[in-house]
PDB file of N, CA and C in Angstrom:
ATOM      1  N   MET A   1      11.332  -0.558  27.873  1.00  0.00           N
ATOM      2  CA  MET A   1      12.184  -0.431  26.712  1.00  0.00           C
ATOM      3  C   MET A   1      11.860   0.878  26.002  1.00  0.00           C
ATOM      4  N   THR A   2      12.863   1.646  25.689  1.00  0.00           N
ATOM      5  CA  THR A   2      12.636   2.906  25.000  1.00  0.00           C
ATOM      6  C   THR A   2      12.953   2.753  23.520  1.00  0.00           C
ATOM      7  N   VAL A   3      12.248   3.506  22.728  1.00  0.00           N
ATOM      8  CA  VAL A   3      12.481   3.489  21.293  1.00  0.00           C
ATOM      9  C   VAL A   3      13.438   4.624  20.972  1.00  0.00           C
ATOM     10  N   LYS A   4      14.536   4.317  20.292  1.00  0.00           N
ATOM     11  CA  LYS A   4      15.577   5.307  20.100  1.00  0.00           C
ATOM     12  C   LYS A   4      15.397   6.145  18.836  1.00  0.00           C
ATOM     13  N   THR A   5      14.853   5.585  17.804  1.00  0.00           N
ATOM     14  CA  THR A   5      14.752   6.340  16.554  1.00  0.00           C
ATOM     15  C   THR A   5      13.354   6.234  15.963  1.00  0.00           C
ATOM     16  N   ARG A   6      13.075   7.135  15.031  1.00  0.00           N
ATOM     17  CA  ARG A   6      11.776   7.105  14.356  1.00  0.00           C
ATOM     18  C   ARG A   6      11.588   5.822  13.559  1.00  0.00           C
ATOM     19  N   SER A   7      12.663   5.366  12.906  1.00  0.00           N
ATOM     20  CA  SER A   7      12.530   4.154  12.094  1.00  0.00           C
ATOM     21  C   SER A   7      12.240   2.938  12.964  1.00  0.00           C
ATOM     22  N   GLN A   8      12.856   2.856  14.134  1.00  0.00           N
ATOM     23  CA  GLN A   8      12.566   1.748  15.041  1.00  0.00           C
ATOM     24  C   GLN A   8      11.130   1.822  15.535  1.00  0.00           C
ATOM     25  N   ALA A   9      10.646   3.031  15.805  1.00  0.00           N
ATOM     26  CA  ALA A   9       9.263   3.195  16.252  1.00  0.00           C
ATOM     27  C   ALA A   9       8.300   2.769  15.152  1.00  0.00           C
ATOM     28  N   ARG A  10       8.600   3.130  13.895  1.00  0.00           N
ATOM     29  CA  ARG A  10       7.745   2.738  12.778  1.00  0.00           C
ATOM     30  C   ARG A  10       7.731   1.222  12.620  1.00  0.00           C
ATOM     31  N   LEU A  11       8.883   0.587  12.772  1.00  0.00           N
ATOM     32  CA  LEU A  11       8.937  -0.868  12.648  1.00  0.00           C
ATOM     33  C   LEU A  11       8.138  -1.551  13.756  1.00  0.00           C
ATOM     34  N   ARG A  12       8.150  -0.983  14.960  1.00  0.00           N
ATOM     35  CA  ARG A  12       7.317  -1.533  16.039  1.00  0.00           C
ATOM     36  C   ARG A  12       5.843  -1.417  15.693  1.00  0.00           C
ATOM     37  N   ARG A  13       5.433  -0.254  15.167  1.00  0.00           N
ATOM     38  CA  ARG A  13       4.037  -0.078  14.755  1.00  0.00           C
ATOM     39  C   ARG A  13       3.697  -1.038  13.625  1.00  0.00           C
ATOM     40  N   ARG A  14       4.631  -1.226  12.695  1.00  0.00           N
ATOM     41  CA  ARG A  14       4.402  -2.123  11.560  1.00  0.00           C
ATOM     42  C   ARG A  14       4.168  -3.557  12.037  1.00  0.00           C
ATOM     43  N   ARG A  15       4.993  -4.016  12.960  1.00  0.00           N
ATOM     44  CA  ARG A  15       4.813  -5.377  13.494  1.00  0.00           C
ATOM     45  C   ARG A  15       3.473  -5.519  14.199  1.00  0.00           C
ATOM     46  N   ARG A  16       3.060  -4.478  14.912  1.00  0.00           N
ATOM     47  CA  ARG A  16       1.783  -4.513  15.618  1.00  0.00           C
ATOM     48  C   ARG A  16       0.625  -4.587  14.628  1.00  0.00           C
ATOM     49  N   VAL A  17       0.711  -3.822  13.550  1.00  0.00           N
ATOM     50  CA  VAL A  17      -0.340  -3.847  12.530  1.00  0.00           C
ATOM     51  C   VAL A  17      -0.359  -5.192  11.818  1.00  0.00           C
ATOM     52  N   ARG A  18       0.818  -5.718  11.470  1.00  0.00           N
ATOM     53  CA  ARG A  18       0.898  -6.983  10.733  1.00  0.00           C
ATOM     54  C   ARG A  18       0.390  -8.164  11.553  1.00  0.00           C
ATOM     55  N   ALA A  19       0.446  -8.077  12.871  1.00  0.00           N
ATOM     56  CA  ALA A  19      -0.074  -9.148  13.713  1.00  0.00           C
ATOM     57  C   ALA A  19      -1.585  -9.239  13.597  1.00  0.00           C
ATOM     58  N   LYS A  20      -2.231  -8.138  13.217  1.00  0.00           N
ATOM     59  CA  LYS A  20      -3.685  -8.096  13.141  1.00  0.00           C
ATOM     60  C   LYS A  20      -4.222  -8.235  11.725  1.00  0.00           C
ATOM     61  N   VAL A  21      -3.388  -7.997  10.715  1.00  0.00           N
ATOM     62  CA  VAL A  21      -3.843  -7.947   9.325  1.00  0.00           C
ATOM     63  C   VAL A  21      -3.212  -9.090   8.545  1.00  0.00           C
ATOM     64  N   GLU A  22      -4.049  -9.868   7.845  1.00  0.00           N
ATOM     65  CA  GLU A  22      -3.539 -10.946   7.002  1.00  0.00           C
ATOM     66  C   GLU A  22      -4.325 -10.966   5.707  1.00  0.00           C
ATOM     67  N   GLY A  23      -3.623 -11.151   4.609  1.00  0.00           N
ATOM     68  CA  GLY A  23      -4.266 -11.191   3.309  1.00  0.00           C
ATOM     69  C   GLY A  23      -4.467 -12.608   2.828  1.00  0.00           C
ATOM     70  N   THR A  24      -5.559 -12.829   2.101  1.00  0.00           N
ATOM     71  CA  THR A  24      -5.838 -14.122   1.490  1.00  0.00           C
ATOM     72  C   THR A  24      -5.953 -13.924  -0.013  1.00  0.00           C
ATOM     73  N   ALA A  25      -6.177 -15.002  -0.747  1.00  0.00           N
ATOM     74  CA  ALA A  25      -6.317 -14.885  -2.196  1.00  0.00           C
ATOM     75  C   ALA A  25      -7.576 -14.102  -2.555  1.00  0.00           C
ATOM     76  N   GLN A  26      -8.661 -14.286  -1.784  1.00  0.00           N
ATOM     77  CA  GLN A  26      -9.903 -13.567  -2.059  1.00  0.00           C
ATOM     78  C   GLN A  26      -9.828 -12.117  -1.593  1.00  0.00           C
ATOM     79  N   ARG A  27      -9.123 -11.878  -0.493  1.00  0.00           N
ATOM     80  CA  ARG A  27      -9.022 -10.527   0.072  1.00  0.00           C
ATOM     81  C   ARG A  27      -7.567 -10.256   0.463  1.00  0.00           C
ATOM     82  N   PRO A  28      -6.729  -9.886  -0.511  1.00  0.00           N
ATOM     83  CA  PRO A  28      -5.301  -9.704  -0.230  1.00  0.00           C
ATOM     84  C   PRO A  28      -5.020  -8.451   0.590  1.00  0.00           C
ATOM     85  N   ARG A  29      -3.794  -8.380   1.065  1.00  0.00           N
ATOM     86  CA  ARG A  29      -3.345  -7.245   1.871  1.00  0.00           C
ATOM     87  C   ARG A  29      -2.736  -6.194   0.953  1.00  0.00           C
ATOM     88  N   LEU A  30      -3.188  -4.948   1.084  1.00  0.00           N
ATOM     89  CA  LEU A  30      -2.604  -3.839   0.334  1.00  0.00           C
ATOM     90  C   LEU A  30      -1.512  -3.242   1.215  1.00  0.00           C
ATOM     91  N   SER A  31      -0.271  -3.576   0.910  1.00  0.00           N
ATOM     92  CA  SER A  31       0.867  -3.150   1.710  1.00  0.00           C
ATOM     93  C   SER A  31       1.473  -1.886   1.113  1.00  0.00           C
ATOM     94  N   VAL A  32       1.772  -0.907   1.970  1.00  0.00           N
ATOM     95  CA  VAL A  32       2.283   0.392   1.532  1.00  0.00           C
ATOM     96  C   VAL A  32       3.693   0.595   2.071  1.00  0.00           C
ATOM     97  N   PHE A  33       4.591   1.077   1.200  1.00  0.00           N
ATOM     98  CA  PHE A  33       5.904   1.546   1.633  1.00  0.00           C
ATOM     99  C   PHE A  33       6.072   2.966   1.132  1.00  0.00           C
ATOM    100  N   ARG A  34       6.424   3.852   2.040  1.00  0.00           N
ATOM    101  CA  ARG A  34       6.553   5.272   1.715  1.00  0.00           C
ATOM    102  C   ARG A  34       7.989   5.704   1.984  1.00  0.00           C
ATOM    103  N   SER A  35       8.536   6.486   1.076  1.00  0.00           N
ATOM    104  CA  SER A  35       9.844   7.086   1.300  1.00  0.00           C
ATOM    105  C   SER A  35       9.737   8.577   1.029  1.00  0.00           C
ATOM    106  N   ASN A  36      10.828   9.294   1.196  1.00  0.00           N
ATOM    107  CA  ASN A  36      10.809  10.722   0.907  1.00  0.00           C
ATOM    108  C   ASN A  36      10.652  10.986  -0.587  1.00  0.00           C
ATOM    109  N   ARG A  37      11.095  10.073  -1.420  1.00  0.00           N
ATOM    110  CA  ARG A  37      11.063  10.276  -2.866  1.00  0.00           C
ATOM    111  C   ARG A  37       9.790   9.766  -3.516  1.00  0.00           C
ATOM    112  N   GLY A  38       9.154   8.773  -2.949  1.00  0.00           N
ATOM    113  CA  GLY A  38       7.976   8.220  -3.600  1.00  0.00           C
ATOM    114  C   GLY A  38       7.270   7.194  -2.746  1.00  0.00           C
ATOM    115  N   ILE A  39       6.420   6.397  -3.404  1.00  0.00           N
ATOM    116  CA  ILE A  39       5.587   5.436  -2.688  1.00  0.00           C
ATOM    117  C   ILE A  39       5.497   4.150  -3.504  1.00  0.00           C
ATOM    118  N   GLN A  40       5.376   3.022  -2.803  1.00  0.00           N
ATOM    119  CA  GLN A  40       5.194   1.719  -3.434  1.00  0.00           C
ATOM    120  C   GLN A  40       4.027   1.025  -2.751  1.00  0.00           C
ATOM    121  N   ALA A  41       3.343   0.165  -3.495  1.00  0.00           N
ATOM    122  CA  ALA A  41       2.246  -0.599  -2.901  1.00  0.00           C
ATOM    123  C   ALA A  41       2.141  -1.947  -3.600  1.00  0.00           C
ATOM    124  N   GLN A  42       1.669  -2.944  -2.853  1.00  0.00           N
ATOM    125  CA  GLN A  42       1.501  -4.293  -3.384  1.00  0.00           C
ATOM    126  C   GLN A  42       0.211  -4.893  -2.851  1.00  0.00           C
ATOM    127  N   LEU A  43      -0.387  -5.762  -3.635  1.00  0.00           N
ATOM    128  CA  LEU A  43      -1.486  -6.608  -3.168  1.00  0.00           C
ATOM    129  C   LEU A  43      -0.885  -7.984  -2.928  1.00  0.00           C
ATOM    130  N   ILE A  44      -0.894  -8.435  -1.672  1.00  0.00           N
ATOM    131  CA  ILE A  44      -0.173  -9.639  -1.276  1.00  0.00           C
ATOM    132  C   ILE A  44      -1.131 -10.684  -0.728  1.00  0.00           C
ATOM    133  N   ASP A  45      -0.992 -11.911  -1.221  1.00  0.00           N
ATOM    134  CA  ASP A  45      -1.683 -13.073  -0.670  1.00  0.00           C
ATOM    135  C   ASP A  45      -0.727 -13.706   0.338  1.00  0.00           C
ATOM    136  N   ASP A  46      -0.961 -13.493   1.629  1.00  0.00           N
ATOM    137  CA  ASP A  46      -0.051 -13.980   2.663  1.00  0.00           C
ATOM    138  C   ASP A  46      -0.120 -15.490   2.847  1.00  0.00           C
ATOM    139  N   VAL A  47      -1.239 -16.101   2.519  1.00  0.00           N
ATOM    140  CA  VAL A  47      -1.378 -17.547   2.696  1.00  0.00           C
ATOM    141  C   VAL A  47      -0.413 -18.281   1.771  1.00  0.00           C
ATOM    142  N   ASN A  48      -0.367 -17.867   0.505  1.00  0.00           N
ATOM    143  CA  ASN A  48       0.509 -18.513  -0.469  1.00  0.00           C
ATOM    144  C   ASN A  48       1.837 -17.787  -0.646  1.00  0.00           C
ATOM    145  N   GLY A  49       1.955 -16.595  -0.090  1.00  0.00           N
ATOM    146  CA  GLY A  49       3.197 -15.843  -0.210  1.00  0.00           C
ATOM    147  C   GLY A  49       3.424 -15.258  -1.590  1.00  0.00           C
ATOM    148  N   HIS A  50       2.345 -14.850  -2.273  1.00  0.00           N
ATOM    149  CA  HIS A  50       2.457 -14.311  -3.627  1.00  0.00           C
ATOM    150  C   HIS A  50       2.041 -12.850  -3.665  1.00  0.00           C
ATOM    151  N   THR A  51       2.718 -12.086  -4.510  1.00  0.00           N
ATOM    152  CA  THR A  51       2.301 -10.723  -4.811  1.00  0.00           C
ATOM    153  C   THR A  51       1.414 -10.782  -6.039  1.00  0.00           C
ATOM    154  N   LEU A  52       0.173 -10.321  -5.906  1.00  0.00           N
ATOM    155  CA  LEU A  52      -0.790 -10.392  -7.002  1.00  0.00           C
ATOM    156  C   LEU A  52      -0.679  -9.197  -7.939  1.00  0.00           C
ATOM    157  N   ALA A  53      -0.363  -8.028  -7.396  1.00  0.00           N
ATOM    158  CA  ALA A  53      -0.198  -6.817  -8.204  1.00  0.00           C
ATOM    159  C   ALA A  53       0.691  -5.857  -7.430  1.00  0.00           C
ATOM    160  N   ALA A  54       1.421  -5.019  -8.165  1.00  0.00           N
ATOM    161  CA  ALA A  54       2.309  -4.064  -7.511  1.00  0.00           C
ATOM    162  C   ALA A  54       2.415  -2.797  -8.345  1.00  0.00           C
ATOM    163  N   VAL A  55       2.762  -1.714  -7.667  1.00  0.00           N
ATOM    164  CA  VAL A  55       2.991  -0.432  -8.333  1.00  0.00           C
ATOM    165  C   VAL A  55       4.132   0.269  -7.604  1.00  0.00           C
ATOM    166  N   ASN A  56       4.960   0.993  -8.382  1.00  0.00           N
ATOM    167  CA  ASN A  56       6.127   1.654  -7.831  1.00  0.00           C
ATOM    168  C   ASN A  56       6.226   3.057  -8.407  1.00  0.00           C
ATOM    169  N   TRP A  57       6.703   4.007  -7.632  1.00  0.00           N
ATOM    170  CA  TRP A  57       6.775   5.392  -8.072  1.00  0.00           C
ATOM    171  C   TRP A  57       7.763   5.592  -9.208  1.00  0.00           C
ATOM    172  N   ILE A  58       8.651   4.641  -9.462  1.00  0.00           N
ATOM    173  CA  ILE A  58       9.669   4.773 -10.499  1.00  0.00           C
ATOM    174  C   ILE A  58       9.074   4.599 -11.901  1.00  0.00           C
ATOM    175  N   GLU A  59       7.878   4.049 -11.997  1.00  0.00           N
ATOM    176  CA  GLU A  59       7.266   3.837 -13.311  1.00  0.00           C
ATOM    177  C   GLU A  59       7.140   5.157 -14.062  1.00  0.00           C
ATOM    178  N   SER A  60       7.245   5.090 -15.380  1.00  0.00           N
ATOM    179  CA  SER A  60       7.376   6.298 -16.199  1.00  0.00           C
ATOM    180  C   SER A  60       6.195   7.257 -16.071  1.00  0.00           C
ATOM    181  N   ASP A  61       4.969   6.744 -15.968  1.00  0.00           N
ATOM    182  CA  ASP A  61       3.822   7.649 -15.882  1.00  0.00           C
ATOM    183  C   ASP A  61       3.624   8.228 -14.481  1.00  0.00           C
ATOM    184  N   LEU A  62       4.365   7.755 -13.482  1.00  0.00           N
ATOM    185  CA  LEU A  62       4.255   8.279 -12.120  1.00  0.00           C
ATOM    186  C   LEU A  62       5.424   9.184 -11.734  1.00  0.00           C
ATOM    187  N   LYS A  63       6.577   8.931 -12.318  1.00  0.00           N
ATOM    188  CA  LYS A  63       7.801   9.585 -11.859  1.00  0.00           C
ATOM    189  C   LYS A  63       7.767  11.103 -12.006  1.00  0.00           C
ATOM    190  N   SER A  64       7.110  11.604 -13.026  1.00  0.00           N
ATOM    191  CA  SER A  64       7.122  13.046 -13.282  1.00  0.00           C
ATOM    192  C   SER A  64       6.066  13.809 -12.480  1.00  0.00           C
ATOM    193  N   LEU A  65       5.179  13.111 -11.784  1.00  0.00           N
ATOM    194  CA  LEU A  65       4.100  13.767 -11.048  1.00  0.00           C
ATOM    195  C   LEU A  65       4.581  14.293  -9.696  1.00  0.00           C
ATOM    196  N   ALA A  66       3.817  15.234  -9.128  1.00  0.00           N
ATOM    197  CA  ALA A  66       4.072  15.707  -7.769  1.00  0.00           C
ATOM    198  C   ALA A  66       3.749  14.579  -6.792  1.00  0.00           C
ATOM    199  N   ARG A  67       4.267  14.645  -5.589  1.00  0.00           N
ATOM    200  CA  ARG A  67       4.192  13.519  -4.645  1.00  0.00           C
ATOM    201  C   ARG A  67       2.763  13.070  -4.322  1.00  0.00           C
ATOM    202  N   MET A  68       1.882  14.009  -4.017  1.00  0.00           N
ATOM    203  CA  MET A  68       0.515  13.623  -3.656  1.00  0.00           C
ATOM    204  C   MET A  68      -0.235  13.083  -4.869  1.00  0.00           C
ATOM    205  N   GLU A  69      -0.056  13.716  -6.009  1.00  0.00           N
ATOM    206  CA  GLU A  69      -0.697  13.234  -7.234  1.00  0.00           C
ATOM    207  C   GLU A  69      -0.128  11.873  -7.623  1.00  0.00           C
ATOM    208  N   GLN A  70       1.160  11.690  -7.392  1.00  0.00           N
ATOM    209  CA  GLN A  70       1.825  10.423  -7.665  1.00  0.00           C
ATOM    210  C   GLN A  70       1.211   9.304  -6.822  1.00  0.00           C
ATOM    211  N   ALA A  71       0.983   9.572  -5.543  1.00  0.00           N
ATOM    212  CA  ALA A  71       0.414   8.569  -4.648  1.00  0.00           C
ATOM    213  C   ALA A  71      -1.010   8.221  -5.059  1.00  0.00           C
ATOM    214  N   LYS A  72      -1.804   9.225  -5.409  1.00  0.00           N
ATOM    215  CA  LYS A  72      -3.187   8.967  -5.812  1.00  0.00           C
ATOM    216  C   LYS A  72      -3.229   8.152  -7.099  1.00  0.00           C
ATOM    217  N   ARG A  73      -2.401   8.519  -8.067  1.00  0.00           N
ATOM    218  CA  ARG A  73      -2.359   7.790  -9.345  1.00  0.00           C
ATOM    219  C   ARG A  73      -1.843   6.365  -9.136  1.00  0.00           C
ATOM    220  N   ALA A  74      -0.905   6.188  -8.201  1.00  0.00           N
ATOM    221  CA  ALA A  74      -0.399   4.849  -7.893  1.00  0.00           C
ATOM    222  C   ALA A  74      -1.521   3.969  -7.349  1.00  0.00           C
ATOM    223  N   GLY A  75      -2.380   4.531  -6.506  1.00  0.00           N
ATOM    224  CA  GLY A  75      -3.525   3.780  -5.994  1.00  0.00           C
ATOM    225  C   GLY A  75      -4.480   3.380  -7.099  1.00  0.00           C
ATOM    226  N   GLU A  76      -4.722   4.292  -8.039  1.00  0.00           N
ATOM    227  CA  GLU A  76      -5.605   3.980  -9.165  1.00  0.00           C
ATOM    228  C   GLU A  76      -5.003   2.883 -10.038  1.00  0.00           C
ATOM    229  N   LEU A  77      -3.690   2.969 -10.303  1.00  0.00           N
ATOM    230  CA  LEU A  77      -3.018   1.936 -11.099  1.00  0.00           C
ATOM    231  C   LEU A  77      -3.065   0.582 -10.402  1.00  0.00           C
ATOM    232  N   LEU A  78      -2.849   0.581  -9.091  1.00  0.00           N
ATOM    233  CA  LEU A  78      -2.885  -0.677  -8.338  1.00  0.00           C
ATOM    234  C   LEU A  78      -4.275  -1.294  -8.389  1.00  0.00           C
ATOM    235  N   ALA A  79      -5.309  -0.465  -8.315  1.00  0.00           N
ATOM    236  CA  ALA A  79      -6.679  -0.976  -8.405  1.00  0.00           C
ATOM    237  C   ALA A  79      -6.932  -1.597  -9.777  1.00  0.00           C
ATOM    238  N   GLU A  80      -6.448  -0.952 -10.840  1.00  0.00           N
ATOM    239  CA  GLU A  80      -6.606  -1.513 -12.190  1.00  0.00           C
ATOM    240  C   GLU A  80      -5.905  -2.857 -12.303  1.00  0.00           C
ATOM    241  N   ARG A  81      -4.666  -2.915 -11.825  1.00  0.00           N
ATOM    242  CA  ARG A  81      -3.901  -4.165 -11.904  1.00  0.00           C
ATOM    243  C   ARG A  81      -4.505  -5.242 -11.013  1.00  0.00           C
ATOM    244  N   GLY A  82      -5.051  -4.843  -9.888  1.00  0.00           N
ATOM    245  CA  GLY A  82      -5.718  -5.797  -9.012  1.00  0.00           C
ATOM    246  C   GLY A  82      -6.957  -6.381  -9.658  1.00  0.00           C
ATOM    247  N   LYS A  83      -7.701  -5.544 -10.374  1.00  0.00           N
ATOM    248  CA  LYS A  83      -8.901  -6.040 -11.055  1.00  0.00           C
ATOM    249  C   LYS A  83      -8.541  -7.047 -12.137  1.00  0.00           C
ATOM    250  N   THR A  84      -7.442  -6.808 -12.862  1.00  0.00           N
ATOM    251  CA  THR A  84      -7.031  -7.779 -13.875  1.00  0.00           C
ATOM    252  C   THR A  84      -6.587  -9.091 -13.233  1.00  0.00           C
ATOM    253  N   ALA A  85      -6.118  -9.022 -11.976  1.00  0.00           N
ATOM    254  CA  ALA A  85      -5.733 -10.231 -11.245  1.00  0.00           C
ATOM    255  C   ALA A  85      -6.921 -10.866 -10.531  1.00  0.00           C
ATOM    256  N   GLY A  86      -8.108 -10.255 -10.644  1.00  0.00           N
ATOM    257  CA  GLY A  86      -9.306 -10.822 -10.038  1.00  0.00           C
ATOM    258  C   GLY A  86      -9.552 -10.383  -8.607  1.00  0.00           C
ATOM    259  N   VAL A  87      -9.010  -9.248  -8.200  1.00  0.00           N
ATOM    260  CA  VAL A  87      -9.164  -8.766  -6.828  1.00  0.00           C
ATOM    261  C   VAL A  87     -10.229  -7.680  -6.794  1.00  0.00           C
ATOM    262  N   GLU A  88     -11.230  -7.860  -5.933  1.00  0.00           N
ATOM    263  CA  GLU A  88     -12.276  -6.850  -5.747  1.00  0.00           C
ATOM    264  C   GLU A  88     -12.143  -6.152  -4.395  1.00  0.00           C
ATOM    265  N   GLU A  89     -11.756  -6.919  -3.359  1.00  0.00           N
ATOM    266  CA  GLU A  89     -11.629  -6.390  -2.002  1.00  0.00           C
ATOM    267  C   GLU A  89     -10.216  -6.630  -1.494  1.00  0.00           C
ATOM    268  N   CYS A  90      -9.795  -5.804  -0.551  1.00  0.00           N
ATOM    269  CA  CYS A  90      -8.483  -5.988   0.057  1.00  0.00           C
ATOM    270  C   CYS A  90      -8.511  -5.492   1.500  1.00  0.00           C
ATOM    271  N   VAL A  91      -7.437  -5.776   2.224  1.00  0.00           N
ATOM    272  CA  VAL A  91      -7.247  -5.309   3.591  1.00  0.00           C
ATOM    273  C   VAL A  91      -6.105  -4.303   3.544  1.00  0.00           C
ATOM    274  N   PHE A  92      -6.309  -3.115   4.095  1.00  0.00           N
ATOM    275  CA  PHE A  92      -5.300  -2.057   4.007  1.00  0.00           C
ATOM    276  C   PHE A  92      -4.278  -2.196   5.125  1.00  0.00           C
ATOM    277  N   ASP A  93      -3.001  -2.290   4.752  1.00  0.00           N
ATOM    278  CA  ASP A  93      -1.887  -2.364   5.699  1.00  0.00           C
ATOM    279  C   ASP A  93      -1.053  -1.096   5.522  1.00  0.00           C
ATOM    280  N   ARG A  94      -1.180  -0.171   6.454  1.00  0.00           N
ATOM    281  CA  ARG A  94      -0.504   1.119   6.322  1.00  0.00           C
ATOM    282  C   ARG A  94       0.984   1.039   6.636  1.00  0.00           C
ATOM    283  N   GLY A  95       1.473  -0.101   7.052  1.00  0.00           N
ATOM    284  CA  GLY A  95       2.901  -0.317   7.225  1.00  0.00           C
ATOM    285  C   GLY A  95       3.546   0.480   8.346  1.00  0.00           C
ATOM    286  N   GLY A  96       2.781   0.857   9.356  1.00  0.00           N
ATOM    287  CA  GLY A  96       3.336   1.619  10.465  1.00  0.00           C
ATOM    288  C   GLY A  96       3.310   3.116  10.244  1.00  0.00           C
ATOM    289  N   TYR A  97       2.896   3.552   9.057  1.00  0.00           N
ATOM    290  CA  TYR A  97       2.806   4.989   8.770  1.00  0.00           C
ATOM    291  C   TYR A  97       1.448   5.510   9.210  1.00  0.00           C
ATOM    292  N   ARG A  98       1.385   6.817   9.501  1.00  0.00           N
ATOM    293  CA  ARG A  98       0.102   7.434   9.829  1.00  0.00           C
ATOM    294  C   ARG A  98      -0.773   7.453   8.590  1.00  0.00           C
ATOM    295  N   TYR A  99      -2.075   7.306   8.779  1.00  0.00           N
ATOM    296  CA  TYR A  99      -3.023   7.372   7.667  1.00  0.00           C
ATOM    297  C   TYR A  99      -3.232   8.848   7.345  1.00  0.00           C
ATOM    298  N   HIS A 100      -2.266   9.422   6.625  1.00  0.00           N
ATOM    299  CA  HIS A 100      -2.252  10.856   6.372  1.00  0.00           C
ATOM    300  C   HIS A 100      -1.324  11.108   5.184  1.00  0.00           C
ATOM    301  N   GLY A 101      -1.580  12.127   4.415  1.00  0.00           N
ATOM    302  CA  GLY A 101      -0.676  12.513   3.343  1.00  0.00           C
ATOM    303  C   GLY A 101      -0.660  11.507   2.206  1.00  0.00           C
ATOM    304  N   LYS A 102       0.560  11.044   1.845  1.00  0.00           N
ATOM    305  CA  LYS A 102       0.719  10.142   0.701  1.00  0.00           C
ATOM    306  C   LYS A 102       0.016   8.806   0.917  1.00  0.00           C
ATOM    307  N   VAL A 103       0.022   8.314   2.150  1.00  0.00           N
ATOM    308  CA  VAL A 103      -0.630   7.028   2.437  1.00  0.00           C
ATOM    309  C   VAL A 103      -2.137   7.153   2.222  1.00  0.00           C
ATOM    310  N   ARG A 104      -2.711   8.240   2.694  1.00  0.00           N
ATOM    311  CA  ARG A 104      -4.147   8.460   2.508  1.00  0.00           C
ATOM    312  C   ARG A 104      -4.481   8.691   1.036  1.00  0.00           C
ATOM    313  N   ALA A 105      -3.628   9.424   0.317  1.00  0.00           N
ATOM    314  CA  ALA A 105      -3.861   9.674  -1.104  1.00  0.00           C
ATOM    315  C   ALA A 105      -3.846   8.367  -1.891  1.00  0.00           C
ATOM    316  N   LEU A 106      -2.930   7.455  -1.554  1.00  0.00           N
ATOM    317  CA  LEU A 106      -2.888   6.159  -2.222  1.00  0.00           C
ATOM    318  C   LEU A 106      -4.162   5.376  -1.933  1.00  0.00           C
ATOM    319  N   ALA A 107      -4.613   5.384  -0.689  1.00  0.00           N
ATOM    320  CA  ALA A 107      -5.840   4.666  -0.327  1.00  0.00           C
ATOM    321  C   ALA A 107      -7.043   5.248  -1.058  1.00  0.00           C
ATOM    322  N   ASP A 108      -7.126   6.578  -1.141  1.00  0.00           N
ATOM    323  CA  ASP A 108      -8.239   7.213  -1.854  1.00  0.00           C
ATOM    324  C   ASP A 108      -8.208   6.865  -3.335  1.00  0.00           C
ATOM    325  N   GLY A 109      -7.015   6.855  -3.927  1.00  0.00           N
ATOM    326  CA  GLY A 109      -6.887   6.489  -5.333  1.00  0.00           C
ATOM    327  C   GLY A 109      -7.301   5.049  -5.585  1.00  0.00           C
ATOM    328  N   ALA A 110      -6.936   4.148  -4.675  1.00  0.00           N
ATOM    329  CA  ALA A 110      -7.321   2.743  -4.826  1.00  0.00           C
ATOM    330  C   ALA A 110      -8.833   2.583  -4.706  1.00  0.00           C
ATOM    331  N   ARG A 111      -9.447   3.334  -3.795  1.00  0.00           N
ATOM    332  CA  ARG A 111     -10.909   3.279  -3.666  1.00  0.00           C
ATOM    333  C   ARG A 111     -11.581   3.812  -4.921  1.00  0.00           C
ATOM    334  N   GLU A 112     -11.072   4.923  -5.452  1.00  0.00           N
ATOM    335  CA  GLU A 112     -11.644   5.479  -6.676  1.00  0.00           C
ATOM    336  C   GLU A 112     -11.449   4.540  -7.856  1.00  0.00           C
ATOM    337  N   GLY A 113     -10.365   3.755  -7.822  1.00  0.00           N
ATOM    338  CA  GLY A 113     -10.114   2.778  -8.869  1.00  0.00           C
ATOM    339  C   GLY A 113     -11.001   1.551  -8.774  1.00  0.00           C
ATOM    340  N   GLY A 114     -11.695   1.371  -7.650  1.00  0.00           N
ATOM    341  CA  GLY A 114     -12.642   0.269  -7.532  1.00  0.00           C
ATOM    342  C   GLY A 114     -12.337  -0.763  -6.469  1.00  0.00           C
ATOM    343  N   LEU A 115     -11.223  -0.638  -5.747  1.00  0.00           N
ATOM    344  CA  LEU A 115     -10.946  -1.583  -4.664  1.00  0.00           C
ATOM    345  C   LEU A 115     -11.790  -1.230  -3.450  1.00  0.00           C
ATOM    346  N   LYS A 116     -12.248  -2.253  -2.741  1.00  0.00           N
ATOM    347  CA  LYS A 116     -13.048  -2.044  -1.534  1.00  0.00           C
ATOM    348  C   LYS A 116     -12.248  -2.491  -0.327  1.00  0.00           C
ATOM    349  N   PHE A 117     -12.164  -1.618   0.669  1.00  0.00           N
ATOM    350  CA  PHE A 117     -11.543  -1.966   1.951  1.00  0.00           C
ATOM    351  C   PHE A 117     -12.021  -1.038   3.027  1.00  0.00           C
TER     352      PHE A 117
END
């Protein structure tokens, strides 16, 4: 089977990653979605199907920043919100994207904010 488009290839990688990564209430999954305009991330408890904390690039303090700075600040905000929800550790789900650029900046920001993964 051949992969026809980049988006289909990313979805195949995403399914492969999701088969190996699962979040719990004690150690939720940090799910990343990246677009050309910005980045979104969530801390998800897959067992109960709940989102514990989320951050989106549309928020007022993120929207005016440059893309890489926006991703790093989003990671820091997610770590703060995760701590208020009682999250100390998480499992990183890169969502089929390469661990590079905005995805890496978000992960670094979350680590600097205090999340462990």
